[in-house]
Amino acid sequence: MEMIRITILYPASVGARFDMDYYLGVHAPRALSRLGGAVESFTVDVGIHAPPMSEPLFVAAGHYLCASAEEFMAAYLPHAAELQADVANYTDIKPIIQVSEVRLVIPAQS
């Protein structure tokens, strides 16, 4: 079964504001309640440093797993203004949106 992932990336930059508690506790649950059954799952990556890099490239990334981009957009568009207005409550970062086809790679058995 093919799936689509909608990823919202929040690039790290000096002085940028991102309230992770608000994002995880308010914004993400609000978005999921509005999107309903169009979302199979939602995960969040929280950027951390990893040697040899001193800082993460992204503060956070939210990943919506969906059956199709069309199904996601049909659920999102009626709530777009509300959800976009809420972004200012947790960040001043301009997000980058990536839509990807998810491919499963199964490791070879030894």
N, C-alpha and C. Protein backbone atom coordinates (compact mmCIF):
# COMPACT_ATOMS: atom_id res chain seq x y z
N MET A 1 0.84 -1.18 0.00
CA MET A 1 0.00 0.00 0.00
C MET A 1 0.89 1.24 0.00
N GLU A 2 0.74 2.08 -1.01
CA GLU A 2 1.52 3.32 -1.08
C GLU A 2 0.98 4.33 -0.09
N MET A 3 1.89 5.07 0.51
CA MET A 3 1.52 6.12 1.45
C MET A 3 2.26 7.40 1.07
N ILE A 4 1.72 8.50 1.55
CA ILE A 4 2.32 9.82 1.33
C ILE A 4 2.68 10.39 2.69
N ARG A 5 3.84 11.04 2.76
CA ARG A 5 4.23 11.72 3.99
C ARG A 5 4.31 13.22 3.70
N ILE A 6 3.58 14.00 4.49
CA ILE A 6 3.67 15.45 4.44
C ILE A 6 4.56 15.85 5.61
N THR A 7 5.71 16.44 5.30
CA THR A 7 6.67 16.83 6.33
C THR A 7 6.73 18.34 6.41
N ILE A 8 6.63 18.85 7.63
CA ILE A 8 6.76 20.28 7.90
C ILE A 8 8.09 20.45 8.62
N LEU A 9 9.05 21.08 7.96
CA LEU A 9 10.39 21.28 8.51
C LEU A 9 10.54 22.69 9.04
N TYR A 10 11.15 22.83 10.20
CA TYR A 10 11.39 24.13 10.81
C TYR A 10 12.90 24.33 10.91
N PRO A 11 13.50 25.05 9.94
CA PRO A 11 14.95 25.23 9.92
C PRO A 11 15.45 25.99 11.16
N ALA A 12 16.58 25.55 11.68
CA ALA A 12 17.21 26.24 12.81
C ALA A 12 17.91 27.50 12.30
N SER A 13 17.84 28.56 13.07
CA SER A 13 18.59 29.78 12.78
C SER A 13 18.80 30.54 14.09
N VAL A 14 19.86 31.32 14.13
CA VAL A 14 20.20 32.07 15.33
C VAL A 14 19.05 33.01 15.69
N GLY A 15 18.62 32.94 16.93
CA GLY A 15 17.57 33.83 17.42
C GLY A 15 16.15 33.41 17.10
N ALA A 16 15.99 32.29 16.38
CA ALA A 16 14.64 31.83 16.03
C ALA A 16 13.93 31.34 17.29
N ARG A 17 12.61 31.52 17.30
CA ARG A 17 11.78 31.10 18.43
C ARG A 17 10.96 29.88 18.03
N PHE A 18 10.98 28.85 18.88
CA PHE A 18 10.15 27.67 18.68
C PHE A 18 9.76 27.13 20.05
N ASP A 19 8.48 27.17 20.37
CA ASP A 19 7.97 26.70 21.66
C ASP A 19 7.51 25.25 21.49
N MET A 20 8.41 24.32 21.81
CA MET A 20 8.13 22.90 21.61
C MET A 20 6.96 22.43 22.47
N ASP A 21 6.84 22.95 23.69
CA ASP A 21 5.73 22.55 24.55
C ASP A 21 4.39 22.91 23.92
N TYR A 22 4.29 24.12 23.35
CA TYR A 22 3.05 24.53 22.69
C TYR A 22 2.80 23.67 21.45
N TYR A 23 3.86 23.44 20.67
CA TYR A 23 3.72 22.65 19.44
C TYR A 23 3.20 21.25 19.76
N LEU A 24 3.81 20.59 20.76
CA LEU A 24 3.41 19.22 21.10
C LEU A 24 2.11 19.15 21.88
N GLY A 25 1.87 20.14 22.73
CA GLY A 25 0.72 20.09 23.62
C GLY A 25 -0.55 20.73 23.10
N VAL A 26 -0.40 21.67 22.15
CA VAL A 26 -1.57 22.41 21.66
C VAL A 26 -1.72 22.30 20.14
N HIS A 27 -0.69 22.74 19.41
CA HIS A 27 -0.84 22.81 17.95
C HIS A 27 -1.02 21.43 17.30
N ALA A 28 -0.13 20.50 17.61
CA ALA A 28 -0.22 19.18 16.98
C ALA A 28 -1.55 18.48 17.30
N PRO A 29 -1.99 18.45 18.57
CA PRO A 29 -3.29 17.84 18.85
C PRO A 29 -4.44 18.55 18.13
N ARG A 30 -4.37 19.88 18.03
CA ARG A 30 -5.41 20.63 17.32
C ARG A 30 -5.43 20.23 15.84
N ALA A 31 -4.26 20.18 15.22
CA ALA A 31 -4.18 19.81 13.81
C ALA A 31 -4.73 18.40 13.60
N LEU A 32 -4.34 17.47 14.45
CA LEU A 32 -4.81 16.09 14.30
C LEU A 32 -6.31 15.98 14.49
N SER A 33 -6.87 16.75 15.40
CA SER A 33 -8.33 16.69 15.59
C SER A 33 -9.06 17.25 14.37
N ARG A 34 -8.49 18.25 13.71
CA ARG A 34 -9.12 18.83 12.52
C ARG A 34 -8.96 17.91 11.31
N LEU A 35 -7.83 17.23 11.21
CA LEU A 35 -7.54 16.40 10.04
C LEU A 35 -8.22 15.03 10.10
N GLY A 36 -8.57 14.60 11.29
CA GLY A 36 -9.34 13.36 11.45
C GLY A 36 -8.70 12.16 10.80
N GLY A 37 -9.53 11.38 10.11
CA GLY A 37 -9.11 10.13 9.50
C GLY A 37 -8.20 10.27 8.31
N ALA A 38 -7.92 11.50 7.86
CA ALA A 38 -7.00 11.68 6.73
C ALA A 38 -5.56 11.38 7.12
N VAL A 39 -5.28 11.32 8.42
CA VAL A 39 -3.92 11.08 8.91
C VAL A 39 -3.85 9.69 9.54
N GLU A 40 -2.95 8.86 9.01
CA GLU A 40 -2.73 7.52 9.56
C GLU A 40 -1.90 7.60 10.84
N SER A 41 -0.88 8.46 10.81
CA SER A 41 -0.04 8.65 11.98
C SER A 41 0.65 10.01 11.88
N PHE A 42 1.15 10.48 13.02
CA PHE A 42 1.87 11.75 13.08
C PHE A 42 3.03 11.57 14.04
N THR A 43 4.22 11.94 13.58
CA THR A 43 5.40 11.88 14.44
C THR A 43 6.12 13.22 14.38
N VAL A 44 6.90 13.49 15.42
CA VAL A 44 7.67 14.73 15.49
C VAL A 44 9.13 14.37 15.74
N ASP A 45 10.00 14.97 14.95
CA ASP A 45 11.44 14.89 15.19
C ASP A 45 11.85 16.18 15.89
N VAL A 46 12.59 16.06 16.99
CA VAL A 46 13.13 17.22 17.69
C VAL A 46 14.62 17.24 17.40
N GLY A 47 15.08 18.32 16.76
CA GLY A 47 16.49 18.42 16.39
C GLY A 47 17.41 18.45 17.59
N ILE A 48 18.45 17.64 17.55
CA ILE A 48 19.50 17.66 18.57
C ILE A 48 20.84 17.72 17.85
N HIS A 49 21.85 18.13 18.56
CA HIS A 49 23.15 18.17 17.91
C HIS A 49 23.73 16.76 17.85
N ALA A 50 24.57 16.56 16.87
CA ALA A 50 25.23 15.27 16.73
C ALA A 50 26.62 15.52 16.17
N PRO A 51 27.65 15.03 16.84
CA PRO A 51 29.01 15.24 16.34
C PRO A 51 29.11 14.73 14.91
N PRO A 52 29.80 15.38 14.01
CA PRO A 52 30.65 16.53 14.25
C PRO A 52 29.90 17.87 14.18
N MET A 53 28.61 17.87 13.93
CA MET A 53 27.85 19.12 13.85
C MET A 53 27.60 19.62 15.27
N SER A 54 27.66 20.94 15.44
CA SER A 54 27.43 21.48 16.77
C SER A 54 25.96 21.82 16.99
N GLU A 55 25.23 22.11 15.94
CA GLU A 55 23.83 22.49 16.04
C GLU A 55 23.01 21.72 15.00
N PRO A 56 21.75 21.43 15.29
CA PRO A 56 20.91 20.75 14.30
C PRO A 56 20.56 21.68 13.14
N LEU A 57 20.31 21.13 11.99
CA LEU A 57 19.87 21.93 10.84
C LEU A 57 18.41 22.33 10.98
N PHE A 58 17.64 21.51 11.70
CA PHE A 58 16.21 21.78 11.89
C PHE A 58 15.89 21.72 13.38
N VAL A 59 15.07 22.67 13.84
CA VAL A 59 14.60 22.67 15.22
C VAL A 59 13.64 21.50 15.42
N ALA A 60 12.78 21.29 14.42
CA ALA A 60 11.77 20.23 14.51
C ALA A 60 11.28 19.89 13.12
N ALA A 61 10.65 18.73 13.04
CA ALA A 61 9.97 18.31 11.81
C ALA A 61 8.74 17.51 12.22
N GLY A 62 7.60 17.85 11.65
CA GLY A 62 6.37 17.10 11.88
C GLY A 62 6.07 16.28 10.64
N HIS A 63 5.71 15.02 10.83
CA HIS A 63 5.48 14.10 9.71
C HIS A 63 4.08 13.52 9.77
N TYR A 64 3.25 13.85 8.80
CA TYR A 64 1.91 13.29 8.67
C TYR A 64 1.96 12.16 7.66
N LEU A 65 1.57 10.97 8.05
CA LEU A 65 1.50 9.83 7.14
C LEU A 65 0.05 9.69 6.68
N CYS A 66 -0.16 9.70 5.37
CA CYS A 66 -1.52 9.74 4.81
C CYS A 66 -1.63 8.79 3.62
N ALA A 67 -2.85 8.42 3.30
CA ALA A 67 -3.09 7.56 2.14
C ALA A 67 -2.80 8.30 0.84
N SER A 68 -3.12 9.60 0.79
CA SER A 68 -2.87 10.38 -0.42
C SER A 68 -2.79 11.86 -0.07
N ALA A 69 -2.09 12.61 -0.90
CA ALA A 69 -2.00 14.06 -0.72
C ALA A 69 -3.38 14.69 -0.90
N GLU A 70 -4.17 14.14 -1.81
CA GLU A 70 -5.51 14.68 -2.06
C GLU A 70 -6.41 14.53 -0.83
N GLU A 71 -6.33 13.38 -0.18
CA GLU A 71 -7.13 13.14 1.02
C GLU A 71 -6.68 14.09 2.14
N PHE A 72 -5.38 14.27 2.28
CA PHE A 72 -4.87 15.20 3.29
C PHE A 72 -5.36 16.61 3.02
N MET A 73 -5.24 17.07 1.78
CA MET A 73 -5.64 18.44 1.44
C MET A 73 -7.14 18.65 1.62
N ALA A 74 -7.94 17.65 1.30
CA ALA A 74 -9.39 17.76 1.49
C ALA A 74 -9.73 17.96 2.96
N ALA A 75 -8.97 17.33 3.85
CA ALA A 75 -9.20 17.49 5.29
C ALA A 75 -8.59 18.79 5.81
N TYR A 76 -7.46 19.20 5.22
CA TYR A 76 -6.72 20.37 5.71
C TYR A 76 -7.35 21.70 5.29
N LEU A 77 -7.75 21.82 4.05
CA LEU A 77 -8.19 23.12 3.52
C LEU A 77 -9.31 23.79 4.31
N PRO A 78 -10.32 23.07 4.80
CA PRO A 78 -11.36 23.75 5.59
C PRO A 78 -10.83 24.37 6.89
N HIS A 79 -9.66 23.93 7.35
CA HIS A 79 -9.09 24.39 8.62
C HIS A 79 -7.77 25.15 8.42
N ALA A 80 -7.40 25.38 7.17
CA ALA A 80 -6.09 25.98 6.87
C ALA A 80 -5.89 27.32 7.56
N ALA A 81 -6.86 28.21 7.50
CA ALA A 81 -6.69 29.54 8.10
C ALA A 81 -6.46 29.44 9.60
N GLU A 82 -7.24 28.61 10.27
CA GLU A 82 -7.09 28.43 11.72
C GLU A 82 -5.72 27.87 12.08
N LEU A 83 -5.30 26.81 11.38
CA LEU A 83 -4.03 26.17 11.70
C LEU A 83 -2.84 27.06 11.35
N GLN A 84 -2.91 27.76 10.23
CA GLN A 84 -1.83 28.66 9.86
C GLN A 84 -1.72 29.83 10.82
N ALA A 85 -2.85 30.36 11.30
CA ALA A 85 -2.83 31.46 12.26
C ALA A 85 -2.21 31.02 13.58
N ASP A 86 -2.35 29.76 13.93
CA ASP A 86 -1.81 29.25 15.19
C ASP A 86 -0.29 29.13 15.17
N VAL A 87 0.31 29.07 14.00
CA VAL A 87 1.76 28.92 13.90
C VAL A 87 2.49 30.02 14.67
N ALA A 88 1.99 31.25 14.60
CA ALA A 88 2.63 32.38 15.29
C ALA A 88 2.66 32.18 16.80
N ASN A 89 1.82 31.31 17.33
CA ASN A 89 1.82 31.05 18.77
C ASN A 89 3.00 30.20 19.23
N TYR A 90 3.66 29.50 18.30
CA TYR A 90 4.79 28.66 18.72
C TYR A 90 6.10 28.93 17.99
N THR A 91 6.07 29.67 16.88
CA THR A 91 7.33 29.90 16.19
C THR A 91 7.29 31.14 15.31
N ASP A 92 8.48 31.66 15.03
CA ASP A 92 8.63 32.72 14.04
C ASP A 92 9.40 32.20 12.82
N ILE A 93 9.59 30.89 12.77
CA ILE A 93 10.30 30.24 11.66
C ILE A 93 9.34 29.99 10.51
N LYS A 94 9.79 30.30 9.29
CA LYS A 94 8.99 29.99 8.10
C LYS A 94 9.22 28.52 7.77
N PRO A 95 8.18 27.68 7.88
CA PRO A 95 8.37 26.25 7.65
C PRO A 95 8.56 25.92 6.17
N ILE A 96 9.22 24.80 5.95
CA ILE A 96 9.40 24.23 4.62
C ILE A 96 8.51 22.99 4.57
N ILE A 97 7.73 22.85 3.50
CA ILE A 97 6.82 21.71 3.38
C ILE A 97 7.31 20.79 2.28
N GLN A 98 7.41 19.52 2.61
CA GLN A 98 7.85 18.49 1.66
C GLN A 98 6.78 17.41 1.60
N VAL A 99 6.36 17.06 0.39
CA VAL A 99 5.43 15.94 0.20
C VAL A 99 6.23 14.81 -0.45
N SER A 100 6.20 13.64 0.17
CA SER A 100 7.01 12.52 -0.29
C SER A 100 6.18 11.26 -0.42
N GLU A 101 6.57 10.43 -1.37
CA GLU A 101 6.01 9.09 -1.46
C GLU A 101 6.84 8.20 -0.55
N VAL A 102 6.19 7.43 0.30
CA VAL A 102 6.89 6.57 1.25
C VAL A 102 7.15 5.22 0.60
N ARG A 103 8.38 4.80 0.63
CA ARG A 103 8.77 3.48 0.10
C ARG A 103 9.31 2.64 1.24
N LEU A 104 8.90 1.42 1.32
CA LEU A 104 9.35 0.51 2.36
C LEU A 104 10.50 -0.33 1.84
N VAL A 105 11.57 -0.36 2.59
CA VAL A 105 12.72 -1.20 2.28
C VAL A 105 12.86 -2.20 3.42
N ILE A 106 12.77 -3.46 3.09
CA ILE A 106 12.85 -4.52 4.10
C ILE A 106 14.28 -5.06 4.11
N PRO A 107 14.92 -5.04 5.27
CA PRO A 107 16.29 -5.55 5.35
C PRO A 107 16.37 -7.02 4.96
N ALA A 108 17.46 -7.38 4.32
CA ALA A 108 17.69 -8.78 3.95
C ALA A 108 17.91 -9.59 5.22
N GLN A 109 17.37 -10.78 5.24
CA GLN A 109 17.54 -11.68 6.38
C GLN A 109 18.85 -12.44 6.21
N SER A 110 19.61 -12.57 7.30
CA SER A 110 20.88 -13.30 7.19
C SER A 110 20.75 -14.73 7.65
